[in-house]
PDB file of all heavy atoms in Angstrom:
ATOM      1  N   SER A   1      -6.764 219.569  96.970  1.00  0.00           N
ATOM      2  CA  SER A   1      -6.758 218.341  97.878  1.00  0.00           C
ATOM      3  C   SER A   1      -7.492 217.235  97.160  1.00  0.00           C
ATOM      4  O   SER A   1      -8.550 217.411  96.476  1.00  0.00           O
ATOM      5  CB  SER A   1      -7.481 218.660  99.191  1.00  0.00           C
ATOM      6  OG  SER A   1      -6.796 219.662  99.946  1.00  0.00           O
ATOM      7  N   LEU A   2      -6.957 216.020  97.318  1.00  0.00           N
ATOM      8  CA  LEU A   2      -7.600 214.853  96.825  1.00  0.00           C
ATOM      9  C   LEU A   2      -7.667 213.814  97.954  1.00  0.00           C
ATOM     10  O   LEU A   2      -6.637 213.469  98.559  1.00  0.00           O
ATOM     11  CB  LEU A   2      -6.785 214.243  95.630  1.00  0.00           C
ATOM     12  CG  LEU A   2      -7.320 212.972  95.067  1.00  0.00           C
ATOM     13  CD1 LEU A   2      -8.664 213.135  94.390  1.00  0.00           C
ATOM     14  CD2 LEU A   2      -6.312 212.332  94.043  1.00  0.00           C
ATOM     15  N   SER A   3      -8.904 213.353  98.271  1.00  0.00           N
ATOM     16  CA  SER A   3      -9.104 212.385  99.322  1.00  0.00           C
ATOM     17  C   SER A   3      -9.807 211.192  98.719  1.00  0.00           C
ATOM     18  O   SER A   3     -10.748 211.335  97.941  1.00  0.00           O
ATOM     19  CB  SER A   3      -9.983 212.990 100.462  1.00  0.00           C
ATOM     20  OG  SER A   3      -9.356 214.101 100.991  1.00  0.00           O
ATOM     21  N   ILE A   4      -9.296 209.998  99.118  1.00  0.00           N
ATOM     22  CA  ILE A   4      -9.867 208.746  98.483  1.00  0.00           C
ATOM     23  C   ILE A   4     -10.315 207.829  99.615  1.00  0.00           C
ATOM     24  O   ILE A   4      -9.614 207.671 100.607  1.00  0.00           O
ATOM     25  CB  ILE A   4      -8.735 208.079  97.658  1.00  0.00           C
ATOM     26  CG1 ILE A   4      -8.250 208.996  96.579  1.00  0.00           C
ATOM     27  CG2 ILE A   4      -9.269 206.760  97.019  1.00  0.00           C
ATOM     28  CD1 ILE A   4      -6.944 208.575  95.914  1.00  0.00           C
ATOM     29  N   SER A   5     -11.403 207.159  99.356  1.00  0.00           N
ATOM     30  CA  SER A   5     -11.888 206.089 100.271  1.00  0.00           C
ATOM     31  C   SER A   5     -12.401 204.980  99.380  1.00  0.00           C
ATOM     32  O   SER A   5     -13.453 205.079  98.758  1.00  0.00           O
ATOM     33  CB  SER A   5     -13.059 206.665 101.173  1.00  0.00           C
ATOM     34  OG  SER A   5     -13.505 205.651 101.975  1.00  0.00           O
ATOM     35  N   ALA A   6     -11.730 203.857  99.382  1.00  0.00           N
ATOM     36  CA  ALA A   6     -12.077 202.729  98.470  1.00  0.00           C
ATOM     37  C   ALA A   6     -11.670 201.386  99.108  1.00  0.00           C
ATOM     38  O   ALA A   6     -10.765 201.298  99.854  1.00  0.00           O
ATOM     39  CB  ALA A   6     -11.327 202.942  97.139  1.00  0.00           C
ATOM     40  N   THR A   7     -12.416 200.372  98.692  1.00  0.00           N
ATOM     41  CA  THR A   7     -12.131 198.987  99.129  1.00  0.00           C
ATOM     42  C   THR A   7     -12.332 198.054  97.925  1.00  0.00           C
ATOM     43  O   THR A   7     -13.107 198.332  97.053  1.00  0.00           O
ATOM     44  CB  THR A   7     -12.971 198.541 100.279  1.00  0.00           C
ATOM     45  OG1 THR A   7     -14.366 198.654  99.911  1.00  0.00           O
ATOM     46  CG2 THR A   7     -12.734 199.383 101.490  1.00  0.00           C
ATOM     47  N   ALA A   8     -11.672 196.924  97.990  1.00  0.00           N
ATOM     48  CA  ALA A   8     -11.891 195.845  96.997  1.00  0.00           C
ATOM     49  C   ALA A   8     -11.714 194.518  97.715  1.00  0.00           C
ATOM     50  O   ALA A   8     -10.835 194.354  98.581  1.00  0.00           O
ATOM     51  CB  ALA A   8     -10.844 195.988  95.825  1.00  0.00           C
ATOM     52  N   ALA A   9     -12.582 193.573  97.383  1.00  0.00           N
ATOM     53  CA  ALA A   9     -12.584 192.255  98.040  1.00  0.00           C
ATOM     54  C   ALA A   9     -12.633 191.161  97.046  1.00  0.00           C
ATOM     55  O   ALA A   9     -13.336 191.189  96.032  1.00  0.00           O
ATOM     56  CB  ALA A   9     -13.737 192.167  98.999  1.00  0.00           C
ATOM     57  N   GLY A  10     -11.828 190.063  97.334  1.00  0.00           N
ATOM     58  CA  GLY A  10     -11.871 188.852  96.550  1.00  0.00           C
ATOM     59  C   GLY A  10     -11.858 187.683  97.468  1.00  0.00           C
ATOM     60  O   GLY A  10     -10.880 187.465  98.253  1.00  0.00           O
ATOM     61  N   GLY A  11     -12.977 186.940  97.581  1.00  0.00           N
ATOM     62  CA  GLY A  11     -13.058 185.851  98.592  1.00  0.00           C
ATOM     63  C   GLY A  11     -13.037 186.417  99.978  1.00  0.00           C
ATOM     64  O   GLY A  11     -13.796 187.381 100.265  1.00  0.00           O
ATOM     65  N   ALA A  12     -12.185 185.871 100.801  1.00  0.00           N
ATOM     66  CA  ALA A  12     -12.125 186.328 102.215  1.00  0.00           C
ATOM     67  C   ALA A  12     -11.131 187.498 102.392  1.00  0.00           C
ATOM     68  O   ALA A  12     -10.964 187.982 103.524  1.00  0.00           O
ATOM     69  CB  ALA A  12     -11.732 185.172 103.118  1.00  0.00           C
ATOM     70  N   THR A  13     -10.496 187.950 101.327  1.00  0.00           N
ATOM     71  CA  THR A  13      -9.495 189.006 101.442  1.00  0.00           C
ATOM     72  C   THR A  13     -10.041 190.335 100.984  1.00  0.00           C
ATOM     73  O   THR A  13     -10.606 190.481  99.925  1.00  0.00           O
ATOM     74  CB  THR A  13      -8.253 188.672 100.536  1.00  0.00           C
ATOM     75  OG1 THR A  13      -7.747 187.398 100.899  1.00  0.00           O
ATOM     76  CG2 THR A  13      -7.156 189.710 100.699  1.00  0.00           C
ATOM     77  N   THR A  14      -9.955 191.311 101.889  1.00  0.00           N
ATOM     78  CA  THR A  14     -10.410 192.678 101.588  1.00  0.00           C
ATOM     79  C   THR A  14      -9.213 193.652 101.690  1.00  0.00           C
ATOM     80  O   THR A  14      -8.438 193.625 102.606  1.00  0.00           O
ATOM     81  CB  THR A  14     -11.498 193.098 102.544  1.00  0.00           C
ATOM     82  OG1 THR A  14     -12.616 192.214 102.447  1.00  0.00           O
ATOM     83  CG2 THR A  14     -11.963 194.554 102.264  1.00  0.00           C
ATOM     84  N   ALA A  15      -9.116 194.527 100.686  1.00  0.00           N
ATOM     85  CA  ALA A  15      -8.051 195.485 100.644  1.00  0.00           C
ATOM     86  C   ALA A  15      -8.676 196.901 100.786  1.00  0.00           C
ATOM     87  O   ALA A  15      -9.723 197.167 100.139  1.00  0.00           O
ATOM     88  CB  ALA A  15      -7.206 195.422  99.383  1.00  0.00           C
ATOM     89  N   ALA A  16      -8.052 197.735 101.535  1.00  0.00           N
ATOM     90  CA  ALA A  16      -8.571 199.141 101.723  1.00  0.00           C
ATOM     91  C   ALA A  16      -7.543 200.092 101.204  1.00  0.00           C
ATOM     92  O   ALA A  16      -6.322 199.932 101.291  1.00  0.00           O
ATOM     93  CB  ALA A  16      -8.846 199.424 103.179  1.00  0.00           C
ATOM     94  N   TYR A  17      -8.063 201.232 100.637  1.00  0.00           N
ATOM     95  CA  TYR A  17      -7.231 202.209 100.074  1.00  0.00           C
ATOM     96  C   TYR A  17      -7.797 203.623 100.425  1.00  0.00           C
ATOM     97  O   TYR A  17      -8.901 203.981  99.967  1.00  0.00           O
ATOM     98  CB  TYR A  17      -7.199 202.014  98.560  1.00  0.00           C
ATOM     99  CG  TYR A  17      -6.422 203.004  97.780  1.00  0.00           C
ATOM    100  CD1 TYR A  17      -5.038 203.120  97.922  1.00  0.00           C
ATOM    101  CD2 TYR A  17      -6.997 203.831  96.795  1.00  0.00           C
ATOM    102  CE1 TYR A  17      -4.270 204.047  97.142  1.00  0.00           C
ATOM    103  CE2 TYR A  17      -6.282 204.741  96.043  1.00  0.00           C
ATOM    104  CZ  TYR A  17      -4.897 204.825  96.205  1.00  0.00           C
ATOM    105  OH  TYR A  17      -4.129 205.681  95.461  1.00  0.00           O
ATOM    106  N   SER A  18      -7.094 204.385 101.222  1.00  0.00           N
ATOM    107  CA  SER A  18      -7.602 205.650 101.685  1.00  0.00           C
ATOM    108  C   SER A  18      -6.536 206.728 101.806  1.00  0.00           C
ATOM    109  O   SER A  18      -6.407 207.372 102.863  1.00  0.00           O
ATOM    110  CB  SER A  18      -8.386 205.510 102.950  1.00  0.00           C
ATOM    111  OG  SER A  18      -7.532 204.936 103.972  1.00  0.00           O
ATOM    112  N   PRO A  19      -5.741 206.973 100.818  1.00  0.00           N
ATOM    113  CA  PRO A  19      -4.718 208.042 100.915  1.00  0.00           C
ATOM    114  C   PRO A  19      -5.337 209.378 100.659  1.00  0.00           C
ATOM    115  O   PRO A  19      -6.473 209.553 100.165  1.00  0.00           O
ATOM    116  CB  PRO A  19      -3.813 207.665  99.785  1.00  0.00           C
ATOM    117  CG  PRO A  19      -4.638 207.129  98.757  1.00  0.00           C
ATOM    118  CD  PRO A  19      -5.720 206.315  99.492  1.00  0.00           C
ATOM    119  N   SER A  20      -4.568 210.450 100.889  1.00  0.00           N
ATOM    120  CA  SER A  20      -4.972 211.810 100.587  1.00  0.00           C
ATOM    121  C   SER A  20      -3.705 212.623 100.269  1.00  0.00           C
ATOM    122  O   SER A  20      -2.637 212.266 100.628  1.00  0.00           O
ATOM    123  CB  SER A  20      -5.727 212.468 101.740  1.00  0.00           C
ATOM    124  OG  SER A  20      -4.948 212.520 102.896  1.00  0.00           O
ATOM    125  N   ASN A  21      -3.930 213.703  99.563  1.00  0.00           N
ATOM    126  CA  ASN A  21      -2.815 214.526  99.159  1.00  0.00           C
ATOM    127  C   ASN A  21      -3.272 215.990  98.987  1.00  0.00           C
ATOM    128  O   ASN A  21      -4.346 216.256  98.476  1.00  0.00           O
ATOM    129  CB  ASN A  21      -2.175 214.050  97.865  1.00  0.00           C
ATOM    130  CG  ASN A  21      -1.035 214.948  97.365  1.00  0.00           C
ATOM    131  OD1 ASN A  21      -1.259 215.766  96.444  1.00  0.00           O
ATOM    132  ND2 ASN A  21       0.106 214.899  97.983  1.00  0.00           N
ATOM    133  N   SER A  22      -2.444 216.897  99.428  1.00  0.00           N
ATOM    134  CA  SER A  22      -2.714 218.312  99.246  1.00  0.00           C
ATOM    135  C   SER A  22      -1.454 218.961  98.701  1.00  0.00           C
ATOM    136  O   SER A  22      -0.299 218.633  99.084  1.00  0.00           O
ATOM    137  CB  SER A  22      -3.099 219.004 100.544  1.00  0.00           C
ATOM    138  OG  SER A  22      -4.309 218.481 101.070  1.00  0.00           O
ATOM    139  N   ARG A  23      -1.617 219.884  97.801  1.00  0.00           N
ATOM    140  CA  ARG A  23      -0.453 220.520  97.108  1.00  0.00           C
ATOM    141  C   ARG A  23      -0.851 221.883  96.541  1.00  0.00           C
ATOM    142  O   ARG A  23      -2.045 222.141  96.323  1.00  0.00           O
ATOM    143  CB  ARG A  23       0.113 219.669  96.041  1.00  0.00           C
ATOM    144  CG  ARG A  23      -0.855 219.308  94.957  1.00  0.00           C
ATOM    145  CD  ARG A  23      -0.411 218.127  94.072  1.00  0.00           C
ATOM    146  NE  ARG A  23       0.794 218.407  93.346  1.00  0.00           N
ATOM    147  CZ  ARG A  23       1.953 217.758  93.464  1.00  0.00           C
ATOM    148  NH1 ARG A  23       2.023 216.747  94.267  1.00  0.00           N
ATOM    149  NH2 ARG A  23       2.976 218.070  92.743  1.00  0.00           N
ATOM    150  N   ILE A  24       0.124 222.728  96.256  1.00  0.00           N
ATOM    151  CA  ILE A  24      -0.135 223.983  95.585  1.00  0.00           C
ATOM    152  C   ILE A  24       0.345 223.920  94.137  1.00  0.00           C
ATOM    153  O   ILE A  24       1.476 223.525  93.909  1.00  0.00           O
ATOM    154  CB  ILE A  24       0.665 225.114  96.309  1.00  0.00           C
ATOM    155  CG1 ILE A  24       0.076 225.249  97.783  1.00  0.00           C
ATOM    156  CG2 ILE A  24       0.499 226.420  95.629  1.00  0.00           C
ATOM    157  CD1 ILE A  24       0.899 226.236  98.622  1.00  0.00           C
ATOM    158  N   ASN A  25      -0.562 224.347  93.260  1.00  0.00           N
ATOM    159  CA  ASN A  25      -0.311 224.261  91.860  1.00  0.00           C
ATOM    160  C   ASN A  25      -0.903 225.491  91.127  1.00  0.00           C
ATOM    161  O   ASN A  25      -1.793 226.133  91.667  1.00  0.00           O
ATOM    162  CB  ASN A  25      -0.917 222.986  91.246  1.00  0.00           C
ATOM    163  CG  ASN A  25      -0.088 221.758  91.524  1.00  0.00           C
ATOM    164  OD1 ASN A  25       1.110 221.736  91.166  1.00  0.00           O
ATOM    165  ND2 ASN A  25      -0.726 220.762  92.041  1.00  0.00           N
ATOM    166  N   PRO A  26      -0.410 225.751  89.935  1.00  0.00           N
ATOM    167  CA  PRO A  26      -1.045 226.917  89.199  1.00  0.00           C
ATOM    168  C   PRO A  26      -2.431 226.569  88.788  1.00  0.00           C
ATOM    169  O   PRO A  26      -2.795 225.416  88.589  1.00  0.00           O
ATOM    170  CB  PRO A  26      -0.173 227.010  87.943  1.00  0.00           C
ATOM    171  CG  PRO A  26       1.153 226.310  88.296  1.00  0.00           C
ATOM    172  CD  PRO A  26       0.724 225.249  89.234  1.00  0.00           C
ATOM    173  N   MET A  27      -3.258 227.603  88.605  1.00  0.00           N
ATOM    174  CA  MET A  27      -4.646 227.494  88.106  1.00  0.00           C
ATOM    175  C   MET A  27      -4.844 228.645  87.163  1.00  0.00           C
ATOM    176  O   MET A  27      -4.205 229.707  87.289  1.00  0.00           O
ATOM    177  CB  MET A  27      -5.641 227.411  89.191  1.00  0.00           C
ATOM    178  CG  MET A  27      -5.813 228.672  90.017  1.00  0.00           C
ATOM    179  SD  MET A  27      -6.861 229.976  89.305  1.00  0.00           S
ATOM    180  CE  MET A  27      -8.395 229.188  89.164  1.00  0.00           C
ATOM    181  N   LEU A  28      -5.803 228.471  86.216  1.00  0.00           N
ATOM    182  CA  LEU A  28      -6.182 229.537  85.304  1.00  0.00           C
ATOM    183  C   LEU A  28      -7.683 229.463  84.996  1.00  0.00           C
ATOM    184  O   LEU A  28      -8.190 228.410  85.167  1.00  0.00           O
ATOM    185  CB  LEU A  28      -5.266 229.581  84.077  1.00  0.00           C
ATOM    186  CG  LEU A  28      -5.301 228.342  83.195  1.00  0.00           C
ATOM    187  CD1 LEU A  28      -6.431 228.352  82.187  1.00  0.00           C
ATOM    188  CD2 LEU A  28      -3.970 228.190  82.484  1.00  0.00           C
ATOM    189  N   GLY A  29      -8.209 230.531  84.536  1.00  0.00           N
ATOM    190  CA  GLY A  29      -9.561 230.557  84.151  1.00  0.00           C
ATOM    191  C   GLY A  29      -9.894 231.679  83.157  1.00  0.00           C
ATOM    192  O   GLY A  29      -9.189 232.702  83.115  1.00  0.00           O
ATOM    193  N   ILE A  30     -11.004 231.488  82.417  1.00  0.00           N
ATOM    194  CA  ILE A  30     -11.536 232.494  81.517  1.00  0.00           C
ATOM    195  C   ILE A  30     -13.038 232.450  81.639  1.00  0.00           C
ATOM    196  O   ILE A  30     -13.591 231.431  82.024  1.00  0.00           O
ATOM    197  CB  ILE A  30     -11.110 232.258  80.038  1.00  0.00           C
ATOM    198  CG1 ILE A  30     -11.504 230.902  79.593  1.00  0.00           C
ATOM    199  CG2 ILE A  30      -9.603 232.481  79.867  1.00  0.00           C
ATOM    200  CD1 ILE A  30     -11.278 230.620  78.101  1.00  0.00           C
ATOM    201  N   GLY A  31     -13.662 233.584  81.327  1.00  0.00           N
ATOM    202  CA  GLY A  31     -15.130 233.601  81.390  1.00  0.00           C
ATOM    203  C   GLY A  31     -15.699 234.851  80.875  1.00  0.00           C
ATOM    204  O   GLY A  31     -15.002 235.730  80.353  1.00  0.00           O
TER     205      GLY A  31
END
């Protein structure tokens, strides 16, 4: 899962960005 919460402002204009995504993918590990 990836969750994002971000904003950017220039002058009187503010933009918000808050998408999220979940997915199934391969993983691997060694130890």
